[in-house]
Structures are given as C-alpha cells and as structure tokens.
Amino acid sequence: DAEGISAPPDHQRKDSTSA
C-alpha cells in the first residue's frame, strides 16, 4: 500500500512491507 510506503518504517503499520 502507498500509505504504508509513504510513511516511515517507524510507524510499523498493518503493512509489514514498509518495515
């Protein structure tokens, strides 16, 4: 998801891919 990628990994949202 774009929202997960746009936000920094620190957020660790539902999108684990961003981490």
N, C-alpha and C. Protein backbone atom coordinates (compact mmCIF):
# COMPACT_ATOMS: atom_id res chain seq x y z
N ASP A 1 0.83 -1.21 0.00
CA ASP A 1 0.00 0.00 0.00
C ASP A 1 0.86 1.26 0.00
N ALA A 2 0.43 2.26 -0.75
CA ALA A 2 1.18 3.51 -0.86
C ALA A 2 1.28 4.21 0.49
N GLU A 3 0.21 4.19 1.25
CA GLU A 3 0.21 4.87 2.55
C GLU A 3 1.25 4.26 3.48
N GLY A 4 1.46 2.98 3.40
CA GLY A 4 2.44 2.32 4.25
C GLY A 4 3.85 2.67 3.80
N ILE A 5 4.05 2.75 2.49
CA ILE A 5 5.37 3.05 1.94
C ILE A 5 5.71 4.53 2.13
N SER A 6 4.70 5.38 1.97
CA SER A 6 4.97 6.82 2.11
C SER A 6 5.38 7.14 3.53
N ALA A 7 4.80 6.46 4.48
CA ALA A 7 5.13 6.70 5.89
C ALA A 7 6.42 5.96 6.23
N PRO A 8 7.19 6.49 7.19
CA PRO A 8 8.45 5.87 7.59
C PRO A 8 8.22 4.52 8.27
N PRO A 9 9.22 3.61 8.24
CA PRO A 9 9.10 2.29 8.84
C PRO A 9 8.80 2.35 10.34
N ASP A 10 9.12 3.47 10.96
CA ASP A 10 8.89 3.61 12.40
C ASP A 10 7.42 3.42 12.74
N HIS A 11 6.56 3.77 11.81
CA HIS A 11 5.12 3.65 12.05
C HIS A 11 4.73 2.18 12.22
N GLN A 12 5.39 1.29 11.46
CA GLN A 12 5.09 -0.14 11.51
C GLN A 12 3.59 -0.39 11.46
N ARG A 13 2.96 0.13 10.41
CA ARG A 13 1.51 -0.02 10.23
C ARG A 13 1.18 -1.46 9.88
N LYS A 14 -0.07 -1.70 9.54
CA LYS A 14 -0.51 -3.04 9.14
C LYS A 14 0.33 -3.57 7.99
N ASP A 15 0.91 -2.65 7.19
CA ASP A 15 1.75 -3.05 6.07
C ASP A 15 3.16 -3.38 6.58
N SER A 16 3.40 -4.66 6.78
CA SER A 16 4.71 -5.08 7.29
C SER A 16 5.80 -4.84 6.25
N THR A 17 5.39 -4.66 4.99
CA THR A 17 6.35 -4.47 3.90
C THR A 17 7.17 -3.21 4.10
N SER A 18 6.59 -2.21 4.77
CA SER A 18 7.29 -0.94 4.97
C SER A 18 8.46 -1.10 5.94
N ALA A 19 8.36 -2.07 6.83
CA ALA A 19 9.40 -2.25 7.84
C ALA A 19 10.69 -2.75 7.18
